[in-house]
PDB file of N, CA and C in Angstrom:
ATOM      1  N   UNK A   1       5.202  -7.954  -7.010  1.00  0.00           N
ATOM      2  CA  UNK A   1       3.935  -8.074  -6.205  1.00  0.00           C
ATOM      3  C   UNK A   1       3.697  -6.917  -6.245  1.00  0.00           C
ATOM      4  N   UNK A   2       2.319  -6.244  -5.811  1.00  0.00           N
ATOM      5  CA  UNK A   2       1.954  -4.627  -6.167  1.00  0.00           C
ATOM      6  C   UNK A   2       2.166  -4.007  -5.049  1.00  0.00           C
ATOM      7  N   UNK A   3       2.598  -2.916  -5.065  1.00  0.00           N
ATOM      8  CA  UNK A   3       2.611  -1.608  -4.026  1.00  0.00           C
ATOM      9  C   UNK A   3       1.473  -0.974  -4.423  1.00  0.00           C
ATOM     10  N   UNK A   4       0.809  -0.692  -3.421  1.00  0.00           N
ATOM     11  CA  UNK A   4      -0.599   0.522  -3.510  1.00  0.00           C
ATOM     12  C   UNK A   4       0.361   1.924  -2.489  1.00  0.00           C
ATOM     13  N   UNK A   5      -0.535   3.190  -3.016  1.00  0.00           N
ATOM     14  CA  UNK A   5       0.313   4.270  -1.876  1.00  0.00           C
ATOM     15  C   UNK A   5      -1.000   4.530  -1.479  1.00  0.00           C
ATOM     16  N   UNK A   6      -1.144   4.934  -0.008  1.00  0.00           N
ATOM     17  CA  UNK A   6      -2.090   5.719   0.589  1.00  0.00           C
ATOM     18  C   UNK A   6      -2.410   7.210   0.308  1.00  0.00           C
ATOM     19  N   UNK A   7      -3.902   7.560  -0.234  1.00  0.00           N
ATOM     20  CA  UNK A   7      -3.419   8.746  -0.596  1.00  0.00           C
ATOM     21  C   UNK A   7      -3.829   9.880   0.089  1.00  0.00           C
ATOM     22  N   UNK A   8      -3.742  10.640  -0.022  1.00  0.00           N
ATOM     23  CA  UNK A   8      -3.718  11.765   0.828  1.00  0.00           C
ATOM     24  C   UNK A   8      -2.640  11.661   1.764  1.00  0.00           C
ATOM     25  N   UNK A   9      -1.214  10.935   1.993  1.00  0.00           N
ATOM     26  CA  UNK A   9      -1.039  10.970   3.397  1.00  0.00           C
ATOM     27  C   UNK A   9      -1.635  10.238   4.326  1.00  0.00           C
ATOM     28  N   UNK A  10      -2.590   9.519   3.694  1.00  0.00           N
ATOM     29  CA  UNK A  10      -3.227   8.237   5.023  1.00  0.00           C
ATOM     30  C   UNK A  10      -4.522   9.361   5.229  1.00  0.00           C
ATOM     31  N   UNK A  11      -5.278  10.105   4.988  1.00  0.00           N
ATOM     32  CA  UNK A  11      -5.902  11.777   5.478  1.00  0.00           C
ATOM     33  C   UNK A  11      -7.490  10.345   4.927  1.00  0.00           C
ATOM     34  N   UNK A  12      -7.261   9.990   3.424  1.00  0.00           N
ATOM     35  CA  UNK A  12      -8.457   9.227   3.289  1.00  0.00           C
ATOM     36  C   UNK A  12      -8.885   8.213   4.427  1.00  0.00           C
ATOM     37  N   UNK A  13      -7.739   6.748   4.180  1.00  0.00           N
ATOM     38  CA  UNK A  13      -8.247   6.439   5.700  1.00  0.00           C
ATOM     39  C   UNK A  13      -8.433   6.821   6.999  1.00  0.00           C
ATOM     40  N   UNK A  14      -7.976   7.687   7.317  1.00  0.00           N
ATOM     41  CA  UNK A  14      -8.529   8.533   8.368  1.00  0.00           C
ATOM     42  C   UNK A  14      -9.771   8.500   8.669  1.00  0.00           C
ATOM     43  N   UNK A  15     -10.460   9.477   7.538  1.00  0.00           N
ATOM     44  CA  UNK A  15     -11.327   9.490   7.807  1.00  0.00           C
ATOM     45  C   UNK A  15     -12.581   8.977   7.855  1.00  0.00           C
ATOM     46  N   UNK A  16     -11.790   7.716   6.461  1.00  0.00           N
ATOM     47  CA  UNK A  16     -13.370   6.780   6.577  1.00  0.00           C
ATOM     48  C   UNK A  16     -13.221   5.955   7.808  1.00  0.00           C
ATOM     49  N   UNK A  17     -11.922   5.658   8.758  1.00  0.00           N
ATOM     50  CA  UNK A  17     -12.238   5.300  10.333  1.00  0.00           C
ATOM     51  C   UNK A  17     -12.968   6.045  10.909  1.00  0.00           C
ATOM     52  N   UNK A  18     -12.852   7.846  11.173  1.00  0.00           N
ATOM     53  CA  UNK A  18     -13.377   8.427  11.657  1.00  0.00           C
ATOM     54  C   UNK A  18     -15.110   8.339  11.370  1.00  0.00           C
ATOM     55  N   UNK A  19     -15.723   8.367  10.090  1.00  0.00           N
ATOM     56  CA  UNK A  19     -17.151   7.784   9.494  1.00  0.00           C
ATOM     57  C   UNK A  19     -17.535   6.628  10.373  1.00  0.00           C
ATOM     58  N   UNK A  20     -16.653   5.154  10.399  1.00  0.00           N
ATOM     59  CA  UNK A  20     -16.874   4.086  10.848  1.00  0.00           C
ATOM     60  C   UNK A  20     -16.834   3.716  12.227  1.00  0.00           C
ATOM     61  N   UNK A  21     -16.306   5.061  13.370  1.00  0.00           N
ATOM     62  CA  UNK A  21     -16.036   5.290  14.429  1.00  0.00           C
ATOM     63  C   UNK A  21     -14.812   4.318  14.910  1.00  0.00           C
ATOM     64  N   UNK A  22     -14.076   4.080  14.448  1.00  0.00           N
ATOM     65  CA  UNK A  22     -13.083   2.882  14.170  1.00  0.00           C
ATOM     66  C   UNK A  22     -11.880   3.563  14.763  1.00  0.00           C
ATOM     67  N   UNK A  23     -11.344   3.023  16.122  1.00  0.00           N
ATOM     68  CA  UNK A  23      -9.626   2.919  15.840  1.00  0.00           C
ATOM     69  C   UNK A  23      -9.081   2.181  15.433  1.00  0.00           C
ATOM     70  N   UNK A  24      -7.256   2.472  15.311  1.00  0.00           N
ATOM     71  CA  UNK A  24      -6.667   1.573  15.058  1.00  0.00           C
ATOM     72  C   UNK A  24      -6.867  -0.302  15.188  1.00  0.00           C
ATOM     73  N   UNK A  25      -6.923  -0.322  16.387  1.00  0.00           N
ATOM     74  CA  UNK A  25      -6.852  -1.478  17.186  1.00  0.00           C
ATOM     75  C   UNK A  25      -8.396  -2.062  16.708  1.00  0.00           C
ATOM     76  N   UNK A  26      -9.219  -1.187  16.637  1.00  0.00           N
ATOM     77  CA  UNK A  26     -10.812  -2.056  16.360  1.00  0.00           C
ATOM     78  C   UNK A  26     -10.785  -2.883  14.649  1.00  0.00           C
ATOM     79  N   UNK A  27     -10.309  -1.835  14.085  1.00  0.00           N
ATOM     80  CA  UNK A  27      -9.970  -1.804  12.609  1.00  0.00           C
ATOM     81  C   UNK A  27      -9.029  -3.115  12.694  1.00  0.00           C
ATOM     82  N   UNK A  28      -8.089  -3.380  12.978  1.00  0.00           N
ATOM     83  CA  UNK A  28      -7.351  -4.482  13.034  1.00  0.00           C
ATOM     84  C   UNK A  28      -8.165  -5.632  12.919  1.00  0.00           C
ATOM     85  N   UNK A  29      -8.774  -6.035  14.093  1.00  0.00           N
ATOM     86  CA  UNK A  29      -9.376  -6.833  14.826  1.00  0.00           C
ATOM     87  C   UNK A  29     -10.496  -7.265  13.490  1.00  0.00           C
ATOM     88  N   UNK A  30     -11.443  -5.840  12.818  1.00  0.00           N
ATOM     89  CA  UNK A  30     -12.037  -6.189  11.751  1.00  0.00           C
ATOM     90  C   UNK A  30     -11.156  -7.010  10.399  1.00  0.00           C
ATOM     91  N   UNK A  31      -9.789  -6.207  10.369  1.00  0.00           N
ATOM     92  CA  UNK A  31      -9.342  -6.760   9.125  1.00  0.00           C
ATOM     93  C   UNK A  31      -9.025  -8.177   9.525  1.00  0.00           C
ATOM     94  N   UNK A  32      -9.107  -8.964  10.320  1.00  0.00           N
ATOM     95  CA  UNK A  32      -8.766 -10.255  10.927  1.00  0.00           C
ATOM     96  C   UNK A  32     -10.126 -11.093  10.779  1.00  0.00           C
ATOM     97  N   UNK A  33     -11.092 -10.254  11.037  1.00  0.00           N
ATOM     98  CA  UNK A  33     -12.513 -11.526  10.566  1.00  0.00           C
ATOM     99  C   UNK A  33     -12.744 -11.327   8.830  1.00  0.00           C
ATOM    100  N   UNK A  34     -12.580  -9.897   8.420  1.00  0.00           N
ATOM    101  CA  UNK A  34     -12.527 -10.150   6.617  1.00  0.00           C
ATOM    102  C   UNK A  34     -11.667 -10.846   5.860  1.00  0.00           C
ATOM    103  N   UNK A  35     -10.496 -11.119   6.624  1.00  0.00           N
ATOM    104  CA  UNK A  35      -9.129 -12.096   6.279  1.00  0.00           C
ATOM    105  C   UNK A  35      -9.503 -13.605   5.977  1.00  0.00           C
ATOM    106  N   UNK A  36     -10.003 -14.424   4.616  1.00  0.00           N
ATOM    107  CA  UNK A  36      -9.646 -15.243   4.620  1.00  0.00           C
ATOM    108  C   UNK A  36      -8.850 -16.211   5.340  1.00  0.00           C
ATOM    109  N   UNK A  37      -7.574 -15.834   5.898  1.00  0.00           N
ATOM    110  CA  UNK A  37      -6.610 -16.694   6.456  1.00  0.00           C
ATOM    111  C   UNK A  37      -6.683 -16.626   7.722  1.00  0.00           C
ATOM    112  N   UNK A  38      -7.147 -15.546   8.584  1.00  0.00           N
ATOM    113  CA  UNK A  38      -7.446 -15.113   9.215  1.00  0.00           C
ATOM    114  C   UNK A  38      -6.778 -14.216   9.817  1.00  0.00           C
ATOM    115  N   UNK A  39      -5.699 -13.802   9.454  1.00  0.00           N
ATOM    116  CA  UNK A  39      -4.610 -12.994   9.851  1.00  0.00           C
ATOM    117  C   UNK A  39      -4.368 -11.241   9.821  1.00  0.00           C
ATOM    118  N   UNK A  40      -5.342 -10.702   9.082  1.00  0.00           N
ATOM    119  CA  UNK A  40      -5.809  -9.794   9.243  1.00  0.00           C
ATOM    120  C   UNK A  40      -4.313  -8.288   8.834  1.00  0.00           C
ATOM    121  N   UNK A  41      -4.415  -7.504   8.982  1.00  0.00           N
ATOM    122  CA  UNK A  41      -3.324  -6.425   9.381  1.00  0.00           C
ATOM    123  C   UNK A  41      -3.321  -6.041  10.620  1.00  0.00           C
ATOM    124  N   UNK A  42      -2.370  -5.641  11.304  1.00  0.00           N
ATOM    125  CA  UNK A  42      -1.695  -5.265  12.596  1.00  0.00           C
ATOM    126  C   UNK A  42      -1.884  -4.374  13.166  1.00  0.00           C
ATOM    127  N   UNK A  43      -2.180  -3.792  14.050  1.00  0.00           N
ATOM    128  CA  UNK A  43      -2.844  -2.649  14.544  1.00  0.00           C
ATOM    129  C   UNK A  43      -1.308  -1.124  14.079  1.00  0.00           C
ATOM    130  N   UNK A  44      -0.425  -2.260  14.042  1.00  0.00           N
ATOM    131  CA  UNK A  44       0.842  -1.362  14.293  1.00  0.00           C
ATOM    132  C   UNK A  44       1.225  -0.689  12.794  1.00  0.00           C
ATOM    133  N   UNK A  45       0.834  -1.656  11.778  1.00  0.00           N
ATOM    134  CA  UNK A  45       0.772  -1.757  10.129  1.00  0.00           C
ATOM    135  C   UNK A  45      -0.433  -0.064  10.294  1.00  0.00           C
ATOM    136  N   UNK A  46      -1.628  -0.248  10.472  1.00  0.00           N
ATOM    137  CA  UNK A  46      -2.727   0.660  10.480  1.00  0.00           C
ATOM    138  C   UNK A  46      -2.340   1.774  10.783  1.00  0.00           C
ATOM    139  N   UNK A  47      -1.663   1.495  12.066  1.00  0.00           N
ATOM    140  CA  UNK A  47      -0.895   3.069  12.668  1.00  0.00           C
ATOM    141  C   UNK A  47       0.192   3.530  11.864  1.00  0.00           C
ATOM    142  N   UNK A  48       0.937   3.268  10.985  1.00  0.00           N
ATOM    143  CA  UNK A  48       2.050   3.611  10.300  1.00  0.00           C
ATOM    144  C   UNK A  48       1.270   3.941   8.965  1.00  0.00           C
ATOM    145  N   UNK A  49       0.489   3.414   8.484  1.00  0.00           N
ATOM    146  CA  UNK A  49      -0.491   4.031   7.249  1.00  0.00           C
ATOM    147  C   UNK A  49      -1.651   4.799   7.422  1.00  0.00           C
ATOM    148  N   UNK A  50      -2.095   5.362   8.774  1.00  0.00           N
ATOM    149  CA  UNK A  50      -2.631   6.554   8.745  1.00  0.00           C
ATOM    150  C   UNK A  50      -2.056   7.710   9.609  1.00  0.00           C
ATOM    151  N   UNK A  51      -1.115   7.146  10.105  1.00  0.00           N
ATOM    152  CA  UNK A  51      -0.006   8.291  10.368  1.00  0.00           C
ATOM    153  C   UNK A  51       0.794   9.412   9.778  1.00  0.00           C
ATOM    154  N   UNK A  52       1.341  10.025  10.403  1.00  0.00           N
ATOM    155  CA  UNK A  52       1.659  11.020  10.353  1.00  0.00           C
ATOM    156  C   UNK A  52       3.423  11.442  10.619  1.00  0.00           C
ATOM    157  N   UNK A  53       4.158  12.145  10.629  1.00  0.00           N
ATOM    158  CA  UNK A  53       5.563  12.063  10.749  1.00  0.00           C
ATOM    159  C   UNK A  53       6.507  11.109  11.004  1.00  0.00           C
ATOM    160  N   UNK A  54       7.153  10.914  11.648  1.00  0.00           N
ATOM    161  CA  UNK A  54       8.180   9.773  11.751  1.00  0.00           C
ATOM    162  C   UNK A  54       8.388   8.089  11.622  1.00  0.00           C
ATOM    163  N   UNK A  55       6.791   7.569  11.865  1.00  0.00           N
ATOM    164  CA  UNK A  55       6.317   6.356  12.060  1.00  0.00           C
ATOM    165  C   UNK A  55       5.541   6.037  10.553  1.00  0.00           C
ATOM    166  N   UNK A  56       5.142   6.841   9.662  1.00  0.00           N
ATOM    167  CA  UNK A  56       4.146   6.957   8.963  1.00  0.00           C
ATOM    168  C   UNK A  56       4.784   6.266   7.632  1.00  0.00           C
ATOM    169  N   UNK A  57       4.130   5.537   6.712  1.00  0.00           N
ATOM    170  CA  UNK A  57       4.447   4.548   5.665  1.00  0.00           C
ATOM    171  C   UNK A  57       3.633   4.714   4.657  1.00  0.00           C
ATOM    172  N   UNK A  58       3.817   5.308   3.783  1.00  0.00           N
ATOM    173  CA  UNK A  58       3.270   5.513   2.060  1.00  0.00           C
ATOM    174  C   UNK A  58       2.909   4.305   1.403  1.00  0.00           C
ATOM    175  N   UNK A  59       3.393   3.180   1.699  1.00  0.00           N
ATOM    176  CA  UNK A  59       3.540   1.986   0.653  1.00  0.00           C
ATOM    177  C   UNK A  59       2.842   0.644   1.053  1.00  0.00           C
ATOM    178  N   UNK A  60       1.827   0.237   0.583  1.00  0.00           N
ATOM    179  CA  UNK A  60       1.867  -1.201   1.420  1.00  0.00           C
ATOM    180  C   UNK A  60       1.658  -2.453   0.195  1.00  0.00           C
ATOM    181  N   UNK A  61       1.154  -3.609   0.755  1.00  0.00           N
ATOM    182  CA  UNK A  61       1.595  -4.558   0.000  1.00  0.00           C
ATOM    183  C   UNK A  61      -0.245  -4.575  -0.415  1.00  0.00           C
ATOM    184  N   UNK A  62      -0.831  -5.073  -1.791  1.00  0.00           N
ATOM    185  CA  UNK A  62      -2.053  -4.944  -2.361  1.00  0.00           C
ATOM    186  C   UNK A  62      -3.026  -5.511  -1.232  1.00  0.00           C
ATOM    187  N   UNK A  63      -2.529  -6.614  -0.988  1.00  0.00           N
ATOM    188  CA  UNK A  63      -3.329  -7.646   0.290  1.00  0.00           C
ATOM    189  C   UNK A  63      -3.556  -6.647   1.458  1.00  0.00           C
ATOM    190  N   UNK A  64      -2.846  -5.931   2.158  1.00  0.00           N
ATOM    191  CA  UNK A  64      -2.638  -4.887   3.430  1.00  0.00           C
ATOM    192  C   UNK A  64      -4.031  -4.019   2.619  1.00  0.00           C
ATOM    193  N   UNK A  65      -3.839  -3.306   1.515  1.00  0.00           N
ATOM    194  CA  UNK A  65      -4.743  -2.423   1.618  1.00  0.00           C
ATOM    195  C   UNK A  65      -6.590  -3.066   0.988  1.00  0.00           C
ATOM    196  N   UNK A  66      -5.955  -4.416   0.345  1.00  0.00           N
ATOM    197  CA  UNK A  66      -7.987  -4.841   0.140  1.00  0.00           C
ATOM    198  C   UNK A  66      -8.019  -4.699   1.659  1.00  0.00           C
ATOM    199  N   UNK A  67      -7.585  -5.495   2.330  1.00  0.00           N
ATOM    200  CA  UNK A  67      -8.154  -5.746   4.125  1.00  0.00           C
ATOM    201  C   UNK A  67      -8.668  -4.720   4.259  1.00  0.00           C
ATOM    202  N   UNK A  68      -8.236  -3.728   4.399  1.00  0.00           N
ATOM    203  CA  UNK A  68      -8.230  -2.185   5.188  1.00  0.00           C
ATOM    204  C   UNK A  68      -9.488  -1.948   4.311  1.00  0.00           C
ATOM    205  N   UNK A  69      -9.772  -2.013   2.956  1.00  0.00           N
ATOM    206  CA  UNK A  69     -10.691  -1.465   2.401  1.00  0.00           C
ATOM    207  C   UNK A  69     -11.831  -1.684   2.344  1.00  0.00           C
ATOM    208  N   UNK A  70     -11.753  -3.488   2.604  1.00  0.00           N
ATOM    209  CA  UNK A  70     -13.083  -4.220   3.003  1.00  0.00           C
ATOM    210  C   UNK A  70     -13.493  -4.079   4.121  1.00  0.00           C
ATOM    211  N   UNK A  71     -12.890  -4.331   5.182  1.00  0.00           N
ATOM    212  CA  UNK A  71     -13.305  -3.830   6.656  1.00  0.00           C
ATOM    213  C   UNK A  71     -13.487  -2.208   6.427  1.00  0.00           C
ATOM    214  N   UNK A  72     -13.115  -1.194   6.271  1.00  0.00           N
ATOM    215  CA  UNK A  72     -13.556   0.151   6.252  1.00  0.00           C
ATOM    216  C   UNK A  72     -15.064  -0.016   5.171  1.00  0.00           C
ATOM    217  N   UNK A  73     -15.469  -1.313   4.681  1.00  0.00           N
ATOM    218  CA  UNK A  73     -16.806  -0.971   3.539  1.00  0.00           C
ATOM    219  C   UNK A  73     -16.072   0.526   2.290  1.00  0.00           C
ATOM    220  N   UNK A  74     -15.101   0.233   2.237  1.00  0.00           N
ATOM    221  CA  UNK A  74     -14.991   1.330   1.318  1.00  0.00           C
ATOM    222  C   UNK A  74     -14.157   0.827  -0.171  1.00  0.00           C
ATOM    223  N   UNK A  75     -14.531   1.704  -1.158  1.00  0.00           N
ATOM    224  CA  UNK A  75     -13.791   1.062  -1.929  1.00  0.00           C
ATOM    225  C   UNK A  75     -12.085   1.373  -1.974  1.00  0.00           C
ATOM    226  N   UNK A  76     -11.326   0.313  -2.664  1.00  0.00           N
ATOM    227  CA  UNK A  76     -10.122   0.296  -2.581  1.00  0.00           C
ATOM    228  C   UNK A  76      -9.390   1.472  -3.210  1.00  0.00           C
ATOM    229  N   UNK A  77      -9.953   2.129  -4.739  1.00  0.00           N
ATOM    230  CA  UNK A  77      -9.083   3.108  -4.783  1.00  0.00           C
ATOM    231  C   UNK A  77      -9.701   4.801  -4.253  1.00  0.00           C
ATOM    232  N   UNK A  78     -10.848   4.162  -3.136  1.00  0.00           N
ATOM    233  CA  UNK A  78     -10.802   5.675  -2.647  1.00  0.00           C
ATOM    234  C   UNK A  78      -9.482   6.007  -1.503  1.00  0.00           C
ATOM    235  N   UNK A  79      -8.787   4.442  -1.154  1.00  0.00           N
ATOM    236  CA  UNK A  79      -7.899   5.105  -0.478  1.00  0.00           C
ATOM    237  C   UNK A  79      -6.760   4.639  -0.283  1.00  0.00           C
ATOM    238  N   UNK A  80      -6.417   4.029  -1.800  1.00  0.00           N
ATOM    239  CA  UNK A  80      -5.075   3.788  -2.179  1.00  0.00           C
ATOM    240  C   UNK A  80      -4.717   4.203  -3.440  1.00  0.00           C
ATOM    241  N   UNK A  81      -3.730   4.664  -4.144  1.00  0.00           N
ATOM    242  CA  UNK A  81      -3.610   3.793  -5.523  1.00  0.00           C
ATOM    243  C   UNK A  81      -2.657   3.537  -5.873  1.00  0.00           C
ATOM    244  N   UNK A  82      -2.360   3.133  -7.218  1.00  0.00           N
ATOM    245  CA  UNK A  82      -1.255   2.114  -7.361  1.00  0.00           C
ATOM    246  C   UNK A  82      -0.032   2.476  -7.499  1.00  0.00           C
ATOM    247  N   UNK A  83       0.977   2.180  -7.044  1.00  0.00           N
ATOM    248  CA  UNK A  83       2.335   2.663  -7.114  1.00  0.00           C
ATOM    249  C   UNK A  83       3.165   2.620  -8.266  1.00  0.00           C
ATOM    250  N   UNK A  84       4.044   2.416  -9.031  1.00  0.00           N
ATOM    251  CA  UNK A  84       4.769   2.089  -9.545  1.00  0.00           C
ATOM    252  C   UNK A  84       5.835   2.082 -10.069  1.00  0.00           C
ATOM    253  N   UNK A  85       6.997   0.924  -9.767  1.00  0.00           N
ATOM    254  CA  UNK A  85       8.685   1.260  -9.832  1.00  0.00           C
ATOM    255  C   UNK A  85       8.318   0.844 -11.325  1.00  0.00           C
ATOM    256  N   UNK A  86       9.855   1.651 -11.835  1.00  0.00           N
ATOM    257  CA  UNK A  86      10.057   1.572 -13.391  1.00  0.00           C
ATOM    258  C   UNK A  86      10.718   0.545 -12.887  1.00  0.00           C
ATOM    259  N   UNK A  87      10.758  -0.464 -14.430  1.00  0.00           N
ATOM    260  CA  UNK A  87      11.533  -1.272 -14.670  1.00  0.00           C
ATOM    261  C   UNK A  87      13.069  -0.915 -14.729  1.00  0.00           C
ATOM    262  N   UNK A  88      13.751  -1.759 -14.082  1.00  0.00           N
ATOM    263  CA  UNK A  88      15.581  -1.373 -14.433  1.00  0.00           C
ATOM    264  C   UNK A  88      15.579  -1.079 -15.943  1.00  0.00           C
ATOM    265  N   UNK A  89      16.286   0.200 -16.005  1.00  0.00           N
ATOM    266  CA  UNK A  89      16.810   0.007 -17.578  1.00  0.00           C
ATOM    267  C   UNK A  89      18.290  -0.596 -17.574  1.00  0.00           C
ATOM    268  N   UNK A  90      17.986  -1.121 -18.526  1.00  0.00           N
ATOM    269  CA  UNK A  90      19.772  -2.183 -18.638  1.00  0.00           C
ATOM    270  C   UNK A  90      19.866  -1.123 -20.237  1.00  0.00           C
ATOM    271  N   UNK A  91      21.702  -1.124 -19.984  1.00  0.00           N
ATOM    272  CA  UNK A  91      22.172  -0.448 -21.000  1.00  0.00           C
ATOM    273  C   UNK A  91      23.346  -1.113 -21.297  1.00  0.00           C
ATOM    274  N   UNK A  92      23.071  -0.978 -23.058  1.00  0.00           N
ATOM    275  CA  UNK A  92      23.352  -2.089 -23.899  1.00  0.00           C
ATOM    276  C   UNK A  92      24.557  -1.336 -24.950  1.00  0.00           C
ATOM    277  N   UNK A  93      26.304  -1.558 -24.884  1.00  0.00           N
ATOM    278  CA  UNK A  93      26.532  -0.292 -26.003  1.00  0.00           C
ATOM    279  C   UNK A  93      27.310  -1.310 -26.548  1.00  0.00           C
ATOM    280  N   UNK A  94      27.405  -0.963 -27.643  1.00  0.00           N
ATOM    281  CA  UNK A  94      27.691  -1.628 -28.846  1.00  0.00           C
ATOM    282  C   UNK A  94      28.960  -1.183 -29.458  1.00  0.00           C
ATOM    283  N   UNK A  95      29.418  -2.150 -29.243  1.00  0.00           N
ATOM    284  CA  UNK A  95      31.293  -2.267 -29.704  1.00  0.00           C
ATOM    285  C   UNK A  95      31.720  -2.464 -30.810  1.00  0.00           C
ATOM    286  N   UNK A  96      32.649  -1.795 -31.686  1.00  0.00           N
ATOM    287  CA  UNK A  96      32.579  -2.013 -32.908  1.00  0.00           C
ATOM    288  C   UNK A  96      34.053  -2.461 -32.913  1.00  0.00           C
ATOM    289  N   UNK A  97      34.330  -3.147 -34.160  1.00  0.00           N
ATOM    290  CA  UNK A  97      35.583  -4.069 -33.796  1.00  0.00           C
ATOM    291  C   UNK A  97      36.669  -3.206 -34.792  1.00  0.00           C
ATOM    292  N   UNK A  98      37.805  -3.479 -35.067  1.00  0.00           N
ATOM    293  CA  UNK A  98      38.889  -2.191 -35.693  1.00  0.00           C
ATOM    294  C   UNK A  98      38.578  -2.630 -37.175  1.00  0.00           C
ATOM    295  N   UNK A  99      37.788  -3.550 -37.045  1.00  0.00           N
ATOM    296  CA  UNK A  99      37.117  -3.937 -39.061  1.00  0.00           C
ATOM    297  C   UNK A  99      36.078  -2.705 -39.314  1.00  0.00           C
ATOM    298  N   UNK A 100      35.280  -2.106 -38.349  1.00  0.00           N
ATOM    299  CA  UNK A 100      34.312  -1.484 -38.656  1.00  0.00           C
ATOM    300  C   UNK A 100      32.941  -2.326 -38.576  1.00  0.00           C
ATOM    301  N   UNK A 101      33.291  -3.462 -37.837  1.00  0.00           N
ATOM    302  CA  UNK A 101      31.946  -4.691 -38.073  1.00  0.00           C
ATOM    303  C   UNK A 101      31.250  -4.453 -36.506  1.00  0.00           C
ATOM    304  N   UNK A 102      29.728  -4.548 -36.151  1.00  0.00           N
ATOM    305  CA  UNK A 102      29.518  -5.091 -34.878  1.00  0.00           C
ATOM    306  C   UNK A 102      28.927  -6.426 -34.995  1.00  0.00           C
TER     307      UNK A 102
END
């Protein structure tokens, strides 16, 4: 599953919402209309992605970011950036036997 980070602590999303004159609940309603499944993004999640302080959320799923970008009529990359989690590192120890073979 791909995770995306909100750009500039959510400022880009807040600015796009302001340009569109949309509140969080209004944006949530539009995401429901543009979602092929009709679920959209909840106003609570939008609030966390646009918020600051204790309730803020830095990351979201690609689908969430896509629905928000489409609803705002903004390119996805203007609002979010890919967040990659490094692959786990597996350490393999080579042990030598008493006769020096590996």
